[in-house]
Amino acid sequence: MMKVYYPPLMDPSKEYPCMLFYTGGPWKKGEFRQFEFHARYFAEREIICFLVEYGGNNTQEFSFSECISDAKSSIRFIREH
C-alpha cells in the first residue's frame, strides 16, 4: 500500500523530486501516520512524498527478504509512473 503527498500547487508539466518513507519497526510493524507530518512538510516544499507500507506491516508473517522485495517494487512502480 502507498499514500502520496503532492505539492499543493503542483504543475503537471514540471518534474519534481520525490522522497520515499518506509514505515519503521523491525520489518514487522509500523504505520503511515508516523511520517504524515514529514510528508506534508516536504510536499509544501515541492517534493512529492510516498509513504510506503511493505508486506511485513500486514498481520501475516513475512521474511526480511520479502519486505525488501516489496520496498524495491515500490521504487520500480514510482519510477515507471
C-alpha atoms as a PDB file:
ATOM      1  CA  MET A   1       0.000   0.000   0.000  1.00  0.00           C
ATOM      2  CA  MET A   2       1.208   3.516  -0.764  1.00  0.00           C
ATOM      3  CA  LYS A   3      -0.002   7.006   0.146  1.00  0.00           C
ATOM      4  CA  VAL A   4       1.194  10.006  -1.888  1.00  0.00           C
ATOM      5  CA  TYR A   5       1.555  13.647  -0.840  1.00  0.00           C
ATOM      6  CA  TYR A   6       1.793  16.131  -3.697  1.00  0.00           C
ATOM      7  CA  PRO A   7       2.867  19.787  -3.610  1.00  0.00           C
ATOM      8  CA  PRO A   8      -0.278  21.916  -3.120  1.00  0.00           C
ATOM      9  CA  LEU A   9       0.234  23.924  -6.321  1.00  0.00           C
ATOM     10  CA  MET A  10       1.702  21.123  -8.390  1.00  0.00           C
ATOM     11  CA  ASP A  11       2.235  21.864 -12.075  1.00  0.00           C
ATOM     12  CA  PRO A  12       1.770  18.592 -14.053  1.00  0.00           C
ATOM     13  CA  SER A  13       4.152  19.809 -16.768  1.00  0.00           C
ATOM     14  CA  LYS A  14       7.018  20.178 -14.278  1.00  0.00           C
ATOM     15  CA  GLU A  15       9.233  17.435 -12.843  1.00  0.00           C
ATOM     16  CA  TYR A  16       9.552  17.228  -9.073  1.00  0.00           C
ATOM     17  CA  PRO A  17      11.961  15.418  -6.782  1.00  0.00           C
ATOM     18  CA  CYS A  18      10.464  12.674  -4.673  1.00  0.00           C
ATOM     19  CA  MET A  19      11.085  11.137  -1.300  1.00  0.00           C
ATOM     20  CA  LEU A  20      10.050   7.709  -0.029  1.00  0.00           C
ATOM     21  CA  PHE A  21       9.209   6.899   3.556  1.00  0.00           C
ATOM     22  CA  TYR A  22       9.013   3.286   4.679  1.00  0.00           C
ATOM     23  CA  THR A  23       7.182   2.592   7.885  1.00  0.00           C
ATOM     24  CA  GLY A  24       9.554   1.811  10.717  1.00  0.00           C
ATOM     25  CA  GLY A  25       9.855  -1.082  13.090  1.00  0.00           C
ATOM     26  CA  PRO A  26      11.680  -4.382  12.825  1.00  0.00           C
ATOM     27  CA  TRP A  27      10.204  -5.133   9.389  1.00  0.00           C
ATOM     28  CA  LYS A  28       7.042  -6.280  11.142  1.00  0.00           C
ATOM     29  CA  LYS A  29       5.146  -3.193  12.280  1.00  0.00           C
ATOM     30  CA  GLY A  30       4.682   0.485  11.655  1.00  0.00           C
ATOM     31  CA  GLU A  31       2.036   2.834  10.328  1.00  0.00           C
ATOM     32  CA  PHE A  32       1.745   5.516   7.671  1.00  0.00           C
ATOM     33  CA  ARG A  33       0.844   8.032  10.359  1.00  0.00           C
ATOM     34  CA  GLN A  34       4.356   8.099  11.745  1.00  0.00           C
ATOM     35  CA  PHE A  35       5.564  10.023   8.649  1.00  0.00           C
ATOM     36  CA  GLU A  36       2.494  12.047   7.631  1.00  0.00           C
ATOM     37  CA  PHE A  37       3.821  15.201   9.288  1.00  0.00           C
ATOM     38  CA  HIS A  38       7.136  14.848   7.442  1.00  0.00           C
ATOM     39  CA  ALA A  39       5.408  14.132   4.127  1.00  0.00           C
ATOM     40  CA  ARG A  40       3.232  17.245   4.434  1.00  0.00           C
ATOM     41  CA  TYR A  41       6.274  19.331   5.371  1.00  0.00           C
ATOM     42  CA  PHE A  42       8.254  18.257   2.298  1.00  0.00           C
ATOM     43  CA  ALA A  43       5.246  18.387  -0.043  1.00  0.00           C
ATOM     44  CA  GLU A  44       4.862  22.062   0.927  1.00  0.00           C
ATOM     45  CA  ARG A  45       8.456  22.450  -0.301  1.00  0.00           C
ATOM     46  CA  GLU A  46       7.660  20.921  -3.698  1.00  0.00           C
ATOM     47  CA  ILE A  47       8.835  17.381  -3.009  1.00  0.00           C
ATOM     48  CA  ILE A  48       6.423  14.555  -3.816  1.00  0.00           C
ATOM     49  CA  CYS A  49       6.369  12.161  -0.864  1.00  0.00           C
ATOM     50  CA  PHE A  50       5.443   8.494  -0.901  1.00  0.00           C
ATOM     51  CA  LEU A  51       4.562   6.695   2.304  1.00  0.00           C
ATOM     52  CA  VAL A  52       5.107   3.035   1.562  1.00  0.00           C
ATOM     53  CA  GLU A  53       3.892   0.065   3.527  1.00  0.00           C
ATOM     54  CA  TYR A  54       5.784  -3.158   2.944  1.00  0.00           C
ATOM     55  CA  GLY A  55       4.325  -6.618   3.414  1.00  0.00           C
ATOM     56  CA  GLY A  56       5.636  -7.015   6.942  1.00  0.00           C
ATOM     57  CA  ASN A  57       3.156  -4.448   8.197  1.00  0.00           C
ATOM     58  CA  ASN A  58       0.442  -6.942   7.454  1.00  0.00           C
ATOM     59  CA  THR A  59      -0.879  -9.338  10.078  1.00  0.00           C
ATOM     60  CA  GLN A  60       0.822 -12.228   8.287  1.00  0.00           C
ATOM     61  CA  GLU A  61       4.435 -13.184   8.877  1.00  0.00           C
ATOM     62  CA  PHE A  62       6.859 -12.020   6.165  1.00  0.00           C
ATOM     63  CA  SER A  63      10.556 -12.637   5.831  1.00  0.00           C
ATOM     64  CA  PHE A  64      13.144  -9.878   5.694  1.00  0.00           C
ATOM     65  CA  SER A  65      13.781 -10.639   2.006  1.00  0.00           C
ATOM     66  CA  GLU A  66      10.051 -10.357   1.191  1.00  0.00           C
ATOM     67  CA  CYS A  67       9.945  -6.926   2.831  1.00  0.00           C
ATOM     68  CA  ILE A  68      12.993  -5.822   0.830  1.00  0.00           C
ATOM     69  CA  SER A  69      11.336  -7.127  -2.325  1.00  0.00           C
ATOM     70  CA  ASP A  70       8.218  -5.049  -1.541  1.00  0.00           C
ATOM     71  CA  ALA A  71      10.378  -1.968  -0.991  1.00  0.00           C
ATOM     72  CA  LYS A  72      12.166  -2.473  -4.318  1.00  0.00           C
ATOM     73  CA  SER A  73       8.830  -2.980  -6.084  1.00  0.00           C
ATOM     74  CA  SER A  74       7.585   0.358  -4.768  1.00  0.00           C
ATOM     75  CA  ILE A  75      10.661   2.099  -6.195  1.00  0.00           C
ATOM     76  CA  ARG A  76      10.118   0.448  -9.584  1.00  0.00           C
ATOM     77  CA  PHE A  77       6.457   1.475  -9.568  1.00  0.00           C
ATOM     78  CA  ILE A  78       7.318   5.098  -8.755  1.00  0.00           C
ATOM     79  CA  ARG A  79       9.968   5.255 -11.487  1.00  0.00           C
ATOM     80  CA  GLU A  80       7.564   3.861 -14.072  1.00  0.00           C
ATOM     81  CA  HIS A  81       4.772   6.276 -13.198  1.00  0.00           C
END
